[in-house]
Amino acid sequence: MIDGLTYFAWAVMAIILVILTVLIVFLGSLPKKIADKHNHPQADAINAASWLGLFLGGIGWPFALVWAYTRSGSVGHGQTADGKEPSDGSSPKNSATAATKKAIEKVDDKPASQQS
């Protein structure tokens, strides 16, 4: 026989299920929101790591959260801080190429007896 307490118990379990679902969705999307706020160049990878970490038992989720807050010394892959390609030709690709050319010129300027 079903009485009022049974309905109350089912209602409490349904509310708990909804709260857990909202909490999981919030935690899964949190590193992506943080990465977007900080204009992280790898925000999509952080998002994937976050959801994968949650689905694998929560092991990888803290790594995605820390990753969202960290930033390497360079902006990344030839982009400026706003995520756009530089228009003045000063991308890291161009500077690395220019540095390589300068190093080759220095070696070419030395006599053969001084080159190692």
Protein backbone atom coordinates (compact mmCIF):
# COMPACT_ATOMS: atom_id res chain seq x y z
CA MET A 1 0.00 0.00 0.00
CA ILE A 2 1.29 3.44 -0.98
CA ASP A 3 0.87 6.21 1.53
CA GLY A 4 1.93 9.87 1.79
CA LEU A 5 5.41 9.09 3.09
CA THR A 6 6.16 6.98 0.02
CA TYR A 7 5.24 9.88 -2.27
CA PHE A 8 7.33 12.20 -0.11
CA ALA A 9 10.33 9.84 -0.35
CA TRP A 10 9.99 9.66 -4.16
CA ALA A 11 9.77 13.45 -4.35
CA VAL A 12 12.90 13.85 -2.22
CA MET A 13 14.78 11.35 -4.39
CA ALA A 14 13.69 13.19 -7.57
CA ILE A 15 14.85 16.52 -6.13
CA ILE A 16 18.20 14.99 -5.18
CA LEU A 17 18.57 13.59 -8.71
CA VAL A 18 17.87 17.01 -10.24
CA ILE A 19 20.34 18.70 -7.89
CA LEU A 20 23.04 16.14 -8.72
CA THR A 21 22.45 16.59 -12.45
CA VAL A 22 22.71 20.39 -12.19
CA LEU A 23 25.87 20.05 -10.07
CA ILE A 24 27.53 17.71 -12.59
CA VAL A 25 26.69 20.01 -15.51
CA PHE A 26 27.97 23.04 -13.58
CA LEU A 27 31.23 21.32 -12.61
CA GLY A 28 31.75 19.95 -16.11
CA SER A 29 31.43 23.34 -17.74
CA LEU A 30 33.34 25.33 -15.08
CA PRO A 31 36.90 24.88 -16.50
CA LYS A 32 35.68 25.90 -19.98
CA LYS A 33 34.07 29.06 -18.59
CA ILE A 34 37.26 29.93 -16.71
CA ALA A 35 39.41 29.29 -19.80
CA ASP A 36 37.12 31.45 -21.93
CA LYS A 37 37.24 34.23 -19.34
CA HIS A 38 41.05 34.18 -19.43
CA ASN A 39 41.16 33.88 -23.26
CA HIS A 40 43.06 30.60 -22.98
CA PRO A 41 44.21 29.40 -26.42
CA GLN A 42 43.33 25.78 -25.56
CA ALA A 43 39.85 26.30 -24.13
CA ASP A 44 38.30 23.54 -26.23
CA ALA A 45 40.86 21.00 -25.07
CA ILE A 46 40.25 22.07 -21.48
CA ASN A 47 36.53 21.54 -22.00
CA ALA A 48 37.10 18.04 -23.38
CA ALA A 49 39.47 17.17 -20.52
CA SER A 50 36.95 18.44 -18.00
CA TRP A 51 34.05 16.31 -19.25
CA LEU A 52 36.25 13.28 -19.84
CA GLY A 53 37.67 13.66 -16.34
CA LEU A 54 34.19 13.80 -14.81
CA PHE A 55 32.97 10.76 -16.71
CA LEU A 56 36.04 8.77 -15.69
CA GLY A 57 35.30 9.21 -12.02
CA GLY A 58 36.45 12.78 -11.47
CA ILE A 59 40.16 11.98 -11.62
CA GLY A 60 41.01 14.31 -14.53
CA TRP A 61 38.66 17.16 -13.67
CA PRO A 62 41.03 18.92 -11.22
CA PHE A 63 43.76 18.85 -13.88
CA ALA A 64 41.43 20.57 -16.33
CA LEU A 65 40.58 23.18 -13.70
CA VAL A 66 44.25 23.92 -12.99
CA TRP A 67 44.97 23.95 -16.75
CA ALA A 68 42.25 26.58 -17.22
CA TYR A 69 44.02 28.89 -14.78
CA THR A 70 47.55 28.36 -16.13
CA ARG A 71 49.03 30.16 -19.07
CA SER A 72 52.32 29.46 -20.81
CA GLY A 73 54.84 32.24 -21.47
CA SER A 74 53.79 32.57 -25.10
CA VAL A 75 50.25 33.22 -26.16
CA GLY A 76 50.35 30.19 -28.41
CA HIS A 77 50.45 29.20 -32.02
CA GLY A 78 51.01 32.60 -33.61
CA GLN A 79 48.15 34.40 -31.89
CA THR A 80 48.05 37.67 -30.03
CA ALA A 81 46.46 38.04 -26.59
CA ASP A 82 43.03 38.58 -28.16
CA GLY A 83 43.29 35.30 -30.09
CA LYS A 84 43.83 36.84 -33.53
CA GLU A 85 46.69 36.42 -35.95
CA PRO A 86 49.07 39.39 -35.83
CA SER A 87 48.86 41.56 -38.94
CA ASP A 88 52.35 43.07 -38.67
CA GLY A 89 54.20 39.81 -39.33
CA SER A 90 55.45 39.47 -35.75
CA SER A 91 54.06 36.02 -35.08
CA PRO A 92 56.24 33.51 -33.22
CA LYS A 93 56.61 31.60 -36.48
CA ASN A 94 58.13 34.65 -38.18
CA SER A 95 60.39 35.51 -35.24
CA ALA A 96 61.65 31.93 -35.03
CA THR A 97 62.34 31.93 -38.74
CA ALA A 98 64.14 35.27 -38.48
CA ALA A 99 66.23 34.02 -35.54
CA THR A 100 67.16 30.89 -37.48
CA LYS A 101 68.19 32.96 -40.50
CA LYS A 102 70.36 35.22 -38.31
CA ALA A 103 72.07 32.19 -36.76
CA ILE A 104 72.76 30.73 -40.21
CA GLU A 105 74.17 34.06 -41.40
CA LYS A 106 76.52 34.20 -38.39
CA VAL A 107 77.82 30.72 -39.14
CA ASP A 108 78.23 31.56 -42.83
CA ASP A 109 80.24 34.71 -41.99
CA LYS A 110 82.86 32.79 -39.98
CA PRO A 111 85.90 31.31 -41.73
CA ALA A 112 85.83 27.55 -42.16
CA SER A 113 88.58 27.09 -39.56
CA GLN A 114 86.42 28.69 -36.81
CA GLN A 115 83.22 26.81 -37.53
CA SER A 116 82.51 23.88 -35.26
